[in-house]
PDB file of N, CA and C in Angstrom:
ATOM      1  N   MET A   1       0.326  -4.973 -27.305  1.00  0.00           N
ATOM      2  CA  MET A   1       1.754  -5.130 -27.616  1.00  0.00           C
ATOM      3  C   MET A   1       2.188  -4.097 -28.711  1.00  0.00           C
ATOM      4  N   ALA A   2       3.359  -3.248 -28.427  1.00  0.00           N
ATOM      5  CA  ALA A   2       3.996  -2.508 -29.606  1.00  0.00           C
ATOM      6  C   ALA A   2       4.420  -3.424 -30.682  1.00  0.00           C
ATOM      7  N   GLU A   3       4.398  -2.464 -31.917  1.00  0.00           N
ATOM      8  CA  GLU A   3       4.655  -3.186 -32.927  1.00  0.00           C
ATOM      9  C   GLU A   3       6.393  -3.484 -32.970  1.00  0.00           C
ATOM     10  N   ARG A   4       6.589  -4.796 -33.341  1.00  0.00           N
ATOM     11  CA  ARG A   4       8.104  -5.119 -33.381  1.00  0.00           C
ATOM     12  C   ARG A   4       8.987  -4.340 -34.578  1.00  0.00           C
ATOM     13  N   ASP A   5       9.972  -4.292 -34.214  1.00  0.00           N
ATOM     14  CA  ASP A   5      10.859  -3.853 -35.532  1.00  0.00           C
ATOM     15  C   ASP A   5      11.592  -5.097 -36.385  1.00  0.00           C
ATOM     16  N   ASP A   6      12.149  -4.761 -37.484  1.00  0.00           N
ATOM     17  CA  ASP A   6      12.626  -5.855 -38.108  1.00  0.00           C
ATOM     18  C   ASP A   6      13.686  -6.469 -37.452  1.00  0.00           C
ATOM     19  N   ASP A   7      14.525  -5.958 -36.625  1.00  0.00           N
ATOM     20  CA  ASP A   7      15.562  -6.605 -35.644  1.00  0.00           C
ATOM     21  C   ASP A   7      14.935  -7.564 -34.886  1.00  0.00           C
ATOM     22  N   ASP A   8      13.960  -7.244 -34.178  1.00  0.00           N
ATOM     23  CA  ASP A   8      12.981  -8.179 -33.316  1.00  0.00           C
ATOM     24  C   ASP A   8      12.481  -9.229 -34.247  1.00  0.00           C
ATOM     25  N   ARG A   9      11.849  -8.953 -35.159  1.00  0.00           N
ATOM     26  CA  ARG A   9      11.263 -10.186 -36.043  1.00  0.00           C
ATOM     27  C   ARG A   9      12.564 -11.049 -36.383  1.00  0.00           C
ATOM     28  N   THR A  10      13.571 -10.764 -36.791  1.00  0.00           N
ATOM     29  CA  THR A  10      14.610 -11.494 -37.288  1.00  0.00           C
ATOM     30  C   THR A  10      15.033 -12.290 -36.071  1.00  0.00           C
ATOM     31  N   GLU A  11      15.389 -11.643 -34.961  1.00  0.00           N
ATOM     32  CA  GLU A  11      15.626 -12.345 -33.896  1.00  0.00           C
ATOM     33  C   GLU A  11      14.980 -13.493 -33.530  1.00  0.00           C
ATOM     34  N   ILE A  12      13.364 -13.221 -33.496  1.00  0.00           N
ATOM     35  CA  ILE A  12      12.232 -14.234 -33.078  1.00  0.00           C
ATOM     36  C   ILE A  12      12.671 -15.237 -33.754  1.00  0.00           C
ATOM     37  N   ARG A  13      12.627 -15.272 -35.431  1.00  0.00           N
ATOM     38  CA  ARG A  13      12.910 -16.140 -36.404  1.00  0.00           C
ATOM     39  C   ARG A  13      14.046 -16.885 -36.352  1.00  0.00           C
ATOM     40  N   LYS A  14      15.164 -16.437 -35.726  1.00  0.00           N
ATOM     41  CA  LYS A  14      16.330 -17.179 -35.527  1.00  0.00           C
ATOM     42  C   LYS A  14      16.133 -18.118 -34.227  1.00  0.00           C
ATOM     43  N   ASP A  15      15.913 -17.586 -33.188  1.00  0.00           N
ATOM     44  CA  ASP A  15      15.481 -18.341 -32.064  1.00  0.00           C
ATOM     45  C   ASP A  15      14.712 -19.515 -32.129  1.00  0.00           C
ATOM     46  N   PHE A  16      13.634 -19.151 -32.945  1.00  0.00           N
ATOM     47  CA  PHE A  16      12.488 -20.085 -33.459  1.00  0.00           C
ATOM     48  C   PHE A  16      13.266 -21.259 -34.044  1.00  0.00           C
ATOM     49  N   ARG A  17      14.047 -20.850 -35.315  1.00  0.00           N
ATOM     50  CA  ARG A  17      14.767 -21.957 -36.183  1.00  0.00           C
ATOM     51  C   ARG A  17      15.560 -23.026 -35.165  1.00  0.00           C
ATOM     52  N   ASP A  18      16.398 -22.329 -34.161  1.00  0.00           N
ATOM     53  CA  ASP A  18      17.197 -23.093 -33.353  1.00  0.00           C
ATOM     54  C   ASP A  18      16.420 -23.965 -32.400  1.00  0.00           C
ATOM     55  N   ALA A  19      15.124 -23.527 -31.767  1.00  0.00           N
ATOM     56  CA  ALA A  19      14.521 -24.368 -30.936  1.00  0.00           C
ATOM     57  C   ALA A  19      13.597 -25.427 -31.805  1.00  0.00           C
ATOM     58  N   VAL A  20      13.192 -25.163 -32.762  1.00  0.00           N
ATOM     59  CA  VAL A  20      12.129 -25.966 -33.402  1.00  0.00           C
ATOM     60  C   VAL A  20      13.149 -26.914 -34.352  1.00  0.00           C
ATOM     61  N   ASN A  21      13.331 -27.803 -34.209  1.00  0.00           N
ATOM     62  CA  ASN A  21      14.350 -28.823 -35.029  1.00  0.00           C
ATOM     63  C   ASN A  21      13.816 -29.799 -35.873  1.00  0.00           C
ATOM     64  N   MET A  22      12.255 -29.970 -35.776  1.00  0.00           N
ATOM     65  CA  MET A  22      11.343 -30.814 -36.795  1.00  0.00           C
ATOM     66  C   MET A  22      11.192 -30.170 -37.926  1.00  0.00           C
ATOM     67  N   SER A  23      11.062 -30.823 -38.967  1.00  0.00           N
ATOM     68  CA  SER A  23      10.539 -30.496 -40.403  1.00  0.00           C
ATOM     69  C   SER A  23       9.144 -30.470 -40.380  1.00  0.00           C
ATOM     70  N   PRO A  24       8.482 -29.634 -41.264  1.00  0.00           N
ATOM     71  CA  PRO A  24       7.019 -29.488 -41.129  1.00  0.00           C
ATOM     72  C   PRO A  24       6.564 -31.107 -41.554  1.00  0.00           C
ATOM     73  N   SER A  25       7.157 -31.828 -42.225  1.00  0.00           N
ATOM     74  CA  SER A  25       6.865 -33.235 -42.602  1.00  0.00           C
ATOM     75  C   SER A  25       6.776 -34.065 -41.197  1.00  0.00           C
ATOM     76  N   GLU A  26       7.985 -33.830 -40.665  1.00  0.00           N
ATOM     77  CA  GLU A  26       8.340 -34.842 -39.687  1.00  0.00           C
ATOM     78  C   GLU A  26       7.375 -34.546 -38.758  1.00  0.00           C
ATOM     79  N   LEU A  27       7.154 -32.948 -38.387  1.00  0.00           N
ATOM     80  CA  LEU A  27       5.899 -32.700 -37.279  1.00  0.00           C
ATOM     81  C   LEU A  27       4.390 -33.340 -37.816  1.00  0.00           C
ATOM     82  N   GLU A  28       4.251 -33.044 -38.975  1.00  0.00           N
ATOM     83  CA  GLU A  28       2.934 -33.487 -39.600  1.00  0.00           C
ATOM     84  C   GLU A  28       2.803 -35.057 -39.188  1.00  0.00           C
ATOM     85  N   ASP A  29       3.850 -35.804 -39.331  1.00  0.00           N
ATOM     86  CA  ASP A  29       3.665 -37.333 -39.308  1.00  0.00           C
ATOM     87  C   ASP A  29       3.489 -37.480 -38.007  1.00  0.00           C
ATOM     88  N   TRP A  30       4.249 -36.972 -37.092  1.00  0.00           N
ATOM     89  CA  TRP A  30       4.462 -37.045 -35.540  1.00  0.00           C
ATOM     90  C   TRP A  30       3.041 -36.925 -34.898  1.00  0.00           C
ATOM     91  N   LEU A  31       2.154 -35.648 -35.482  1.00  0.00           N
ATOM     92  CA  LEU A  31       1.224 -35.381 -34.931  1.00  0.00           C
ATOM     93  C   LEU A  31       0.091 -36.398 -35.283  1.00  0.00           C
ATOM     94  N   GLU A  32       0.057 -37.082 -36.236  1.00  0.00           N
ATOM     95  CA  GLU A  32      -1.165 -38.115 -36.421  1.00  0.00           C
ATOM     96  C   GLU A  32      -0.793 -39.314 -35.622  1.00  0.00           C
ATOM     97  N   THR A  33       0.239 -39.291 -34.807  1.00  0.00           N
ATOM     98  CA  THR A  33       0.557 -40.614 -33.810  1.00  0.00           C
ATOM     99  C   THR A  33      -0.423 -40.503 -32.770  1.00  0.00           C
ATOM    100  N   ASP A  34      -0.751 -41.797 -32.045  1.00  0.00           N
ATOM    101  CA  ASP A  34      -1.569 -41.776 -30.854  1.00  0.00           C
ATOM    102  C   ASP A  34      -0.665 -41.354 -29.616  1.00  0.00           C
ATOM    103  N   GLU A  35       0.630 -41.189 -29.662  1.00  0.00           N
ATOM    104  CA  GLU A  35       1.659 -40.762 -28.741  1.00  0.00           C
ATOM    105  C   GLU A  35       1.304 -39.187 -28.667  1.00  0.00           C
ATOM    106  N   SER A  36       1.293 -38.598 -29.759  1.00  0.00           N
ATOM    107  CA  SER A  36       1.361 -37.171 -30.133  1.00  0.00           C
ATOM    108  C   SER A  36       0.028 -36.813 -29.313  1.00  0.00           C
ATOM    109  N   LYS A  37      -0.987 -37.459 -29.538  1.00  0.00           N
ATOM    110  CA  LYS A  37      -2.572 -36.994 -29.168  1.00  0.00           C
ATOM    111  C   LYS A  37      -2.733 -37.466 -27.623  1.00  0.00           C
ATOM    112  N   ALA A  38      -1.646 -38.270 -26.964  1.00  0.00           N
ATOM    113  CA  ALA A  38      -1.839 -38.718 -25.562  1.00  0.00           C
ATOM    114  C   ALA A  38      -1.452 -37.865 -24.658  1.00  0.00           C
ATOM    115  N   VAL A  39      -0.777 -36.760 -25.231  1.00  0.00           N
ATOM    116  CA  VAL A  39      -0.016 -35.676 -24.096  1.00  0.00           C
ATOM    117  C   VAL A  39      -0.415 -34.368 -24.195  1.00  0.00           C
ATOM    118  N   GLY A  40      -0.186 -33.556 -22.964  1.00  0.00           N
ATOM    119  CA  GLY A  40      -0.531 -32.404 -22.852  1.00  0.00           C
ATOM    120  C   GLY A  40      -1.972 -32.153 -22.386  1.00  0.00           C
ATOM    121  N   ASP A  41      -2.334 -30.879 -21.832  1.00  0.00           N
ATOM    122  CA  ASP A  41      -3.664 -30.699 -21.395  1.00  0.00           C
ATOM    123  C   ASP A  41      -4.568 -30.727 -22.654  1.00  0.00           C
ATOM    124  N   ASP A  42      -5.761 -31.289 -22.202  1.00  0.00           N
ATOM    125  CA  ASP A  42      -6.690 -31.586 -23.113  1.00  0.00           C
ATOM    126  C   ASP A  42      -8.232 -31.053 -22.526  1.00  0.00           C
ATOM    127  N   SER A  43      -8.514 -29.699 -22.869  1.00  0.00           N
ATOM    128  CA  SER A  43      -9.848 -29.232 -22.331  1.00  0.00           C
ATOM    129  C   SER A  43     -10.926 -29.046 -23.388  1.00  0.00           C
ATOM    130  N   ASP A  44     -10.473 -29.221 -24.612  1.00  0.00           N
ATOM    131  CA  ASP A  44     -11.550 -29.016 -25.654  1.00  0.00           C
ATOM    132  C   ASP A  44     -11.260 -30.182 -27.124  1.00  0.00           C
ATOM    133  N   GLY A  45     -10.526 -31.051 -26.542  1.00  0.00           N
ATOM    134  CA  GLY A  45     -10.595 -32.235 -27.425  1.00  0.00           C
ATOM    135  C   GLY A  45      -9.058 -32.220 -28.111  1.00  0.00           C
ATOM    136  N   GLU A  46      -8.490 -31.184 -28.150  1.00  0.00           N
ATOM    137  CA  GLU A  46      -7.186 -31.089 -28.648  1.00  0.00           C
ATOM    138  C   GLU A  46      -6.246 -30.455 -27.459  1.00  0.00           C
ATOM    139  N   SER A  47      -4.938 -30.914 -27.359  1.00  0.00           N
ATOM    140  CA  SER A  47      -4.097 -30.529 -26.317  1.00  0.00           C
ATOM    141  C   SER A  47      -3.473 -29.233 -27.189  1.00  0.00           C
ATOM    142  N   THR A  48      -3.110 -28.244 -26.181  1.00  0.00           N
ATOM    143  CA  THR A  48      -2.303 -26.955 -26.425  1.00  0.00           C
ATOM    144  C   THR A  48      -1.136 -27.353 -27.472  1.00  0.00           C
ATOM    145  N   GLY A  49      -0.146 -28.131 -27.065  1.00  0.00           N
ATOM    146  CA  GLY A  49       0.841 -28.797 -27.832  1.00  0.00           C
ATOM    147  C   GLY A  49       0.491 -29.238 -29.209  1.00  0.00           C
ATOM    148  N   HIS A  50      -0.545 -30.126 -29.079  1.00  0.00           N
ATOM    149  CA  HIS A  50      -0.980 -30.456 -30.359  1.00  0.00           C
ATOM    150  C   HIS A  50      -1.415 -29.439 -31.286  1.00  0.00           C
ATOM    151  N   TYR A  51      -2.142 -28.532 -30.836  1.00  0.00           N
ATOM    152  CA  TYR A  51      -2.594 -27.432 -31.653  1.00  0.00           C
ATOM    153  C   TYR A  51      -1.235 -26.440 -32.159  1.00  0.00           C
ATOM    154  N   SER A  52      -0.601 -26.284 -31.119  1.00  0.00           N
ATOM    155  CA  SER A  52       0.732 -25.599 -31.345  1.00  0.00           C
ATOM    156  C   SER A  52       1.493 -26.397 -32.692  1.00  0.00           C
ATOM    157  N   GLY A  53       1.515 -27.463 -32.676  1.00  0.00           N
ATOM    158  CA  GLY A  53       2.407 -28.297 -33.566  1.00  0.00           C
ATOM    159  C   GLY A  53       1.714 -28.377 -34.926  1.00  0.00           C
ATOM    160  N   ARG A  54       0.301 -28.074 -34.862  1.00  0.00           N
ATOM    161  CA  ARG A  54      -0.135 -27.836 -36.166  1.00  0.00           C
ATOM    162  C   ARG A  54       0.125 -26.339 -36.600  1.00  0.00           C
ATOM    163  N   ARG A  55       0.016 -25.509 -35.803  1.00  0.00           N
ATOM    164  CA  ARG A  55       0.361 -24.099 -36.069  1.00  0.00           C
ATOM    165  C   ARG A  55       1.755 -23.797 -36.468  1.00  0.00           C
ATOM    166  N   ILE A  56       2.793 -24.459 -35.996  1.00  0.00           N
ATOM    167  CA  ILE A  56       4.269 -24.432 -36.305  1.00  0.00           C
ATOM    168  C   ILE A  56       4.340 -25.038 -37.711  1.00  0.00           C
ATOM    169  N   VAL A  57       3.673 -26.071 -38.164  1.00  0.00           N
ATOM    170  CA  VAL A  57       3.743 -26.399 -39.359  1.00  0.00           C
ATOM    171  C   VAL A  57       3.359 -25.594 -40.564  1.00  0.00           C
ATOM    172  N   GLU A  58       2.284 -24.612 -40.005  1.00  0.00           N
ATOM    173  CA  GLU A  58       1.860 -23.603 -40.983  1.00  0.00           C
ATOM    174  C   GLU A  58       2.925 -22.431 -41.139  1.00  0.00           C
ATOM    175  N   ILE A  59       3.443 -22.265 -39.963  1.00  0.00           N
ATOM    176  CA  ILE A  59       4.392 -20.910 -39.911  1.00  0.00           C
ATOM    177  C   ILE A  59       5.654 -21.563 -40.681  1.00  0.00           C
ATOM    178  N   LYS A  60       6.222 -22.771 -40.408  1.00  0.00           N
ATOM    179  CA  LYS A  60       7.244 -23.171 -40.829  1.00  0.00           C
ATOM    180  C   LYS A  60       7.015 -23.063 -42.746  1.00  0.00           C
ATOM    181  N   ARG A  61       5.985 -23.299 -43.207  1.00  0.00           N
ATOM    182  CA  ARG A  61       5.743 -23.391 -44.621  1.00  0.00           C
ATOM    183  C   ARG A  61       5.607 -21.986 -45.282  1.00  0.00           C
ATOM    184  N   LYS A  62       5.500 -20.955 -44.538  1.00  0.00           N
ATOM    185  CA  LYS A  62       5.444 -19.625 -44.984  1.00  0.00           C
ATOM    186  C   LYS A  62       6.930 -19.065 -45.308  1.00  0.00           C
ATOM    187  N   THR A  63       6.662 -18.076 -46.336  1.00  0.00           N
ATOM    188  CA  THR A  63       8.108 -17.160 -46.587  1.00  0.00           C
ATOM    189  C   THR A  63       8.056 -16.362 -45.610  1.00  0.00           C
ATOM    190  N   VAL A  64       9.412 -15.800 -45.223  1.00  0.00           N
ATOM    191  CA  VAL A  64       9.254 -14.558 -44.332  1.00  0.00           C
ATOM    192  C   VAL A  64       8.613 -13.534 -44.781  1.00  0.00           C
ATOM    193  N   ASP A  65       8.387 -13.086 -45.713  1.00  0.00           N
ATOM    194  CA  ASP A  65       7.289 -11.957 -46.209  1.00  0.00           C
ATOM    195  C   ASP A  65       5.946 -12.401 -45.891  1.00  0.00           C
ATOM    196  N   GLU A  66       5.459 -13.666 -45.784  1.00  0.00           N
ATOM    197  CA  GLU A  66       3.990 -14.049 -45.502  1.00  0.00           C
ATOM    198  C   GLU A  66       3.749 -13.949 -43.863  1.00  0.00           C
ATOM    199  N   LEU A  67       4.801 -14.070 -43.135  1.00  0.00           N
ATOM    200  CA  LEU A  67       4.762 -14.228 -41.708  1.00  0.00           C
ATOM    201  C   LEU A  67       4.115 -12.757 -41.151  1.00  0.00           C
ATOM    202  N   THR A  68       3.106 -13.307 -40.185  1.00  0.00           N
ATOM    203  CA  THR A  68       2.345 -11.954 -39.588  1.00  0.00           C
ATOM    204  C   THR A  68       2.865 -11.691 -38.266  1.00  0.00           C
ATOM    205  N   GLU A  69       2.491 -10.628 -37.671  1.00  0.00           N
ATOM    206  CA  GLU A  69       3.054 -10.559 -36.026  1.00  0.00           C
ATOM    207  C   GLU A  69       2.425 -11.672 -35.255  1.00  0.00           C
ATOM    208  N   ASP A  70       1.253 -12.071 -35.576  1.00  0.00           N
ATOM    209  CA  ASP A  70       0.280 -13.203 -34.859  1.00  0.00           C
ATOM    210  C   ASP A  70       1.247 -14.594 -34.989  1.00  0.00           C
ATOM    211  N   ASP A  71       2.003 -14.715 -36.231  1.00  0.00           N
ATOM    212  CA  ASP A  71       2.841 -15.758 -36.484  1.00  0.00           C
ATOM    213  C   ASP A  71       4.132 -15.576 -35.510  1.00  0.00           C
ATOM    214  N   HIS A  72       4.814 -14.468 -35.404  1.00  0.00           N
ATOM    215  CA  HIS A  72       5.964 -14.107 -34.600  1.00  0.00           C
ATOM    216  C   HIS A  72       5.651 -14.138 -33.236  1.00  0.00           C
ATOM    217  N   ASP A  73       4.421 -13.947 -32.720  1.00  0.00           N
ATOM    218  CA  ASP A  73       3.957 -14.019 -31.369  1.00  0.00           C
ATOM    219  C   ASP A  73       3.949 -15.594 -31.043  1.00  0.00           C
ATOM    220  N   TRP A  74       3.260 -16.429 -32.031  1.00  0.00           N
ATOM    221  CA  TRP A  74       3.561 -17.771 -31.632  1.00  0.00           C
ATOM    222  C   TRP A  74       4.859 -18.555 -31.864  1.00  0.00           C
ATOM    223  N   MET A  75       5.789 -18.097 -32.806  1.00  0.00           N
ATOM    224  CA  MET A  75       6.987 -18.472 -32.759  1.00  0.00           C
ATOM    225  C   MET A  75       7.896 -17.981 -31.401  1.00  0.00           C
ATOM    226  N   LYS A  76       7.639 -17.026 -30.752  1.00  0.00           N
ATOM    227  CA  LYS A  76       8.003 -16.607 -29.509  1.00  0.00           C
ATOM    228  C   LYS A  76       7.544 -17.432 -28.409  1.00  0.00           C
ATOM    229  N   LYS A  77       6.153 -17.945 -28.398  1.00  0.00           N
ATOM    230  CA  LYS A  77       5.664 -18.655 -27.323  1.00  0.00           C
ATOM    231  C   LYS A  77       6.277 -20.183 -27.644  1.00  0.00           C
ATOM    232  N   ALA A  78       6.386 -20.905 -28.721  1.00  0.00           N
ATOM    233  CA  ALA A  78       6.954 -22.005 -28.731  1.00  0.00           C
ATOM    234  C   ALA A  78       8.198 -21.981 -28.561  1.00  0.00           C
ATOM    235  N   THR A  79       9.143 -21.073 -28.974  1.00  0.00           N
ATOM    236  CA  THR A  79      10.321 -21.032 -28.477  1.00  0.00           C
ATOM    237  C   THR A  79      10.714 -20.994 -26.868  1.00  0.00           C
ATOM    238  N   GLY A  80       9.744 -20.203 -26.314  1.00  0.00           N
ATOM    239  CA  GLY A  80       9.703 -20.149 -24.801  1.00  0.00           C
ATOM    240  C   GLY A  80       9.481 -21.352 -24.289  1.00  0.00           C
ATOM    241  N   TYR A  81       8.510 -22.047 -24.817  1.00  0.00           N
ATOM    242  CA  TYR A  81       8.080 -23.247 -24.368  1.00  0.00           C
ATOM    243  C   TYR A  81       9.212 -24.523 -24.138  1.00  0.00           C
ATOM    244  N   VAL A  82       9.677 -24.526 -25.557  1.00  0.00           N
ATOM    245  CA  VAL A  82      10.904 -25.535 -25.834  1.00  0.00           C
ATOM    246  C   VAL A  82      11.799 -25.386 -24.654  1.00  0.00           C
ATOM    247  N   HIS A  83      12.406 -24.079 -24.526  1.00  0.00           N
ATOM    248  CA  HIS A  83      13.401 -23.655 -23.694  1.00  0.00           C
ATOM    249  C   HIS A  83      13.082 -24.064 -22.321  1.00  0.00           C
ATOM    250  N   ARG A  84      11.797 -23.824 -21.801  1.00  0.00           N
ATOM    251  CA  ARG A  84      11.486 -23.960 -20.372  1.00  0.00           C
ATOM    252  C   ARG A  84      11.355 -25.367 -20.230  1.00  0.00           C
ATOM    253  N   HIS A  85      10.832 -26.357 -21.069  1.00  0.00           N
ATOM    254  CA  HIS A  85      10.880 -27.568 -21.219  1.00  0.00           C
ATOM    255  C   HIS A  85      12.100 -28.463 -20.938  1.00  0.00           C
ATOM    256  N   LEU A  86      12.961 -27.940 -21.620  1.00  0.00           N
ATOM    257  CA  LEU A  86      14.219 -28.507 -21.945  1.00  0.00           C
ATOM    258  C   LEU A  86      15.084 -28.302 -20.545  1.00  0.00           C
ATOM    259  N   LYS A  87      14.659 -27.175 -19.615  1.00  0.00           N
ATOM    260  CA  LYS A  87      15.489 -26.784 -18.542  1.00  0.00           C
ATOM    261  C   LYS A  87      14.896 -27.866 -17.357  1.00  0.00           C
ATOM    262  N   GLN A  88      13.743 -27.999 -17.640  1.00  0.00           N
ATOM    263  CA  GLN A  88      13.205 -29.286 -16.484  1.00  0.00           C
ATOM    264  C   GLN A  88      13.832 -30.399 -16.513  1.00  0.00           C
ATOM    265  N   GLY A  89      14.552 -30.855 -17.646  1.00  0.00           N
ATOM    266  CA  GLY A  89      15.186 -31.870 -17.769  1.00  0.00           C
ATOM    267  C   GLY A  89      14.261 -33.006 -17.906  1.00  0.00           C
ATOM    268  N   GLY A  90      14.797 -34.035 -18.790  1.00  0.00           N
ATOM    269  CA  GLY A  90      13.968 -35.212 -19.081  1.00  0.00           C
ATOM    270  C   GLY A  90      14.281 -36.240 -18.084  1.00  0.00           C
ATOM    271  N   PRO A  91      13.688 -37.239 -18.386  1.00  0.00           N
ATOM    272  CA  PRO A  91      13.863 -38.551 -17.786  1.00  0.00           C
ATOM    273  C   PRO A  91      15.178 -39.128 -17.798  1.00  0.00           C
ATOM    274  N   LYS A  92      15.797 -39.972 -16.789  1.00  0.00           N
ATOM    275  CA  LYS A  92      17.150 -40.434 -16.880  1.00  0.00           C
ATOM    276  C   LYS A  92      16.953 -41.749 -17.490  1.00  0.00           C
ATOM    277  N   GLN A  93      15.929 -42.332 -17.980  1.00  0.00           N
ATOM    278  CA  GLN A  93      15.937 -43.559 -18.827  1.00  0.00           C
ATOM    279  C   GLN A  93      14.749 -43.420 -19.663  1.00  0.00           C
ATOM    280  N   ASP A  94      14.773 -44.109 -20.715  1.00  0.00           N
ATOM    281  CA  ASP A  94      13.553 -44.349 -21.787  1.00  0.00           C
ATOM    282  C   ASP A  94      13.271 -42.787 -22.254  1.00  0.00           C
ATOM    283  N   VAL A  95      14.102 -42.207 -22.591  1.00  0.00           N
ATOM    284  CA  VAL A  95      13.809 -40.682 -22.868  1.00  0.00           C
ATOM    285  C   VAL A  95      12.983 -40.691 -24.304  1.00  0.00           C
ATOM    286  N   GLU A  96      13.420 -41.855 -24.818  1.00  0.00           N
ATOM    287  CA  GLU A  96      12.858 -41.995 -26.426  1.00  0.00           C
ATOM    288  C   GLU A  96      11.161 -42.102 -26.278  1.00  0.00           C
ATOM    289  N   THR A  97      10.661 -42.728 -25.351  1.00  0.00           N
ATOM    290  CA  THR A  97       9.350 -43.076 -25.100  1.00  0.00           C
ATOM    291  C   THR A  97       8.732 -42.225 -24.104  1.00  0.00           C
ATOM    292  N   SER A  98       9.266 -41.226 -23.453  1.00  0.00           N
ATOM    293  CA  SER A  98       8.772 -40.378 -22.677  1.00  0.00           C
ATOM    294  C   SER A  98       7.880 -39.313 -22.882  1.00  0.00           C
ATOM    295  N   LYS A  99       6.792 -39.179 -22.092  1.00  0.00           N
ATOM    296  CA  LYS A  99       5.777 -38.098 -22.241  1.00  0.00           C
ATOM    297  C   LYS A  99       6.534 -36.905 -22.242  1.00  0.00           C
ATOM    298  N   TRP A 100       7.870 -36.426 -21.834  1.00  0.00           N
ATOM    299  CA  TRP A 100       8.637 -35.475 -21.831  1.00  0.00           C
ATOM    300  C   TRP A 100       8.805 -34.975 -23.259  1.00  0.00           C
ATOM    301  N   ARG A 101       9.348 -36.145 -23.793  1.00  0.00           N
ATOM    302  CA  ARG A 101       9.791 -35.876 -25.457  1.00  0.00           C
ATOM    303  C   ARG A 101       8.657 -35.711 -26.232  1.00  0.00           C
ATOM    304  N   TYR A 102       7.678 -36.468 -25.912  1.00  0.00           N
ATOM    305  CA  TYR A 102       6.599 -36.536 -26.828  1.00  0.00           C
ATOM    306  C   TYR A 102       5.934 -34.931 -26.658  1.00  0.00           C
ATOM    307  N   SER A 103       5.851 -34.493 -25.586  1.00  0.00           N
ATOM    308  CA  SER A 103       5.426 -33.070 -25.171  1.00  0.00           C
ATOM    309  C   SER A 103       6.041 -32.206 -26.123  1.00  0.00           C
ATOM    310  N   LEU A 104       7.680 -32.242 -26.008  1.00  0.00           N
ATOM    311  CA  LEU A 104       8.393 -31.166 -26.617  1.00  0.00           C
ATOM    312  C   LEU A 104       8.232 -31.431 -28.203  1.00  0.00           C
ATOM    313  N   MET A 105       7.934 -32.828 -28.675  1.00  0.00           N
ATOM    314  CA  MET A 105       7.874 -32.866 -30.034  1.00  0.00           C
ATOM    315  C   MET A 105       6.451 -32.538 -30.658  1.00  0.00           C
ATOM    316  N   ASN A 106       5.728 -32.486 -29.637  1.00  0.00           N
ATOM    317  CA  ASN A 106       4.304 -31.617 -30.333  1.00  0.00           C
ATOM    318  C   ASN A 106       4.599 -30.150 -30.476  1.00  0.00           C
ATOM    319  N   TRP A 107       5.617 -29.578 -29.982  1.00  0.00           N
ATOM    320  CA  TRP A 107       5.930 -28.122 -30.067  1.00  0.00           C
ATOM    321  C   TRP A 107       7.091 -28.122 -30.897  1.00  0.00           C
ATOM    322  N   GLY A 108       7.326 -29.103 -31.626  1.00  0.00           N
ATOM    323  CA  GLY A 108       8.405 -29.017 -32.963  1.00  0.00           C
ATOM    324  C   GLY A 108       9.767 -29.356 -32.710  1.00  0.00           C
ATOM    325  N   HIS A 109       9.959 -29.804 -31.258  1.00  0.00           N
ATOM    326  CA  HIS A 109      11.577 -30.025 -30.964  1.00  0.00           C
ATOM    327  C   HIS A 109      11.719 -31.519 -30.379  1.00  0.00           C
ATOM    328  N   ASP A 110      12.470 -32.035 -31.302  1.00  0.00           N
ATOM    329  CA  ASP A 110      13.003 -33.694 -30.709  1.00  0.00           C
ATOM    330  C   ASP A 110      14.283 -33.688 -30.251  1.00  0.00           C
ATOM    331  N   PRO A 111      13.960 -33.915 -28.696  1.00  0.00           N
ATOM    332  CA  PRO A 111      15.421 -33.740 -28.016  1.00  0.00           C
ATOM    333  C   PRO A 111      16.316 -35.072 -28.390  1.00  0.00           C
ATOM    334  N   CYS A 112      15.787 -35.844 -28.941  1.00  0.00           N
ATOM    335  CA  CYS A 112      16.614 -37.288 -29.527  1.00  0.00           C
ATOM    336  C   CYS A 112      17.310 -36.711 -30.876  1.00  0.00           C
ATOM    337  N   LYS A 113      17.085 -35.599 -31.388  1.00  0.00           N
ATOM    338  CA  LYS A 113      17.876 -35.450 -32.554  1.00  0.00           C
ATOM    339  C   LYS A 113      19.298 -34.806 -32.412  1.00  0.00           C
TER     340      LYS A 113
END
């Protein structure tokens, strides 16, 4: 992948802030719940979404100057996941306790906020 310029990185950070609406502490608390651990693909003991949530907490706690290209890649991946999942639409009932919401929350987005 080609090196990004500052404008690209700025846009990625803006999109990430818009998509990830949970604070690091909210996300950490959520990731400790049984509901969080019960959703997603689980090939090696931890789902991709659960791992992503931990990674998002790390990213959100960094300053802009501390962010790496890998961090920007992950922000872009998280933003894409949130946007795709939201387009699928959630359940018509019981959104608050749905696996759809729980999966999004693992990626740092609470659709009920």
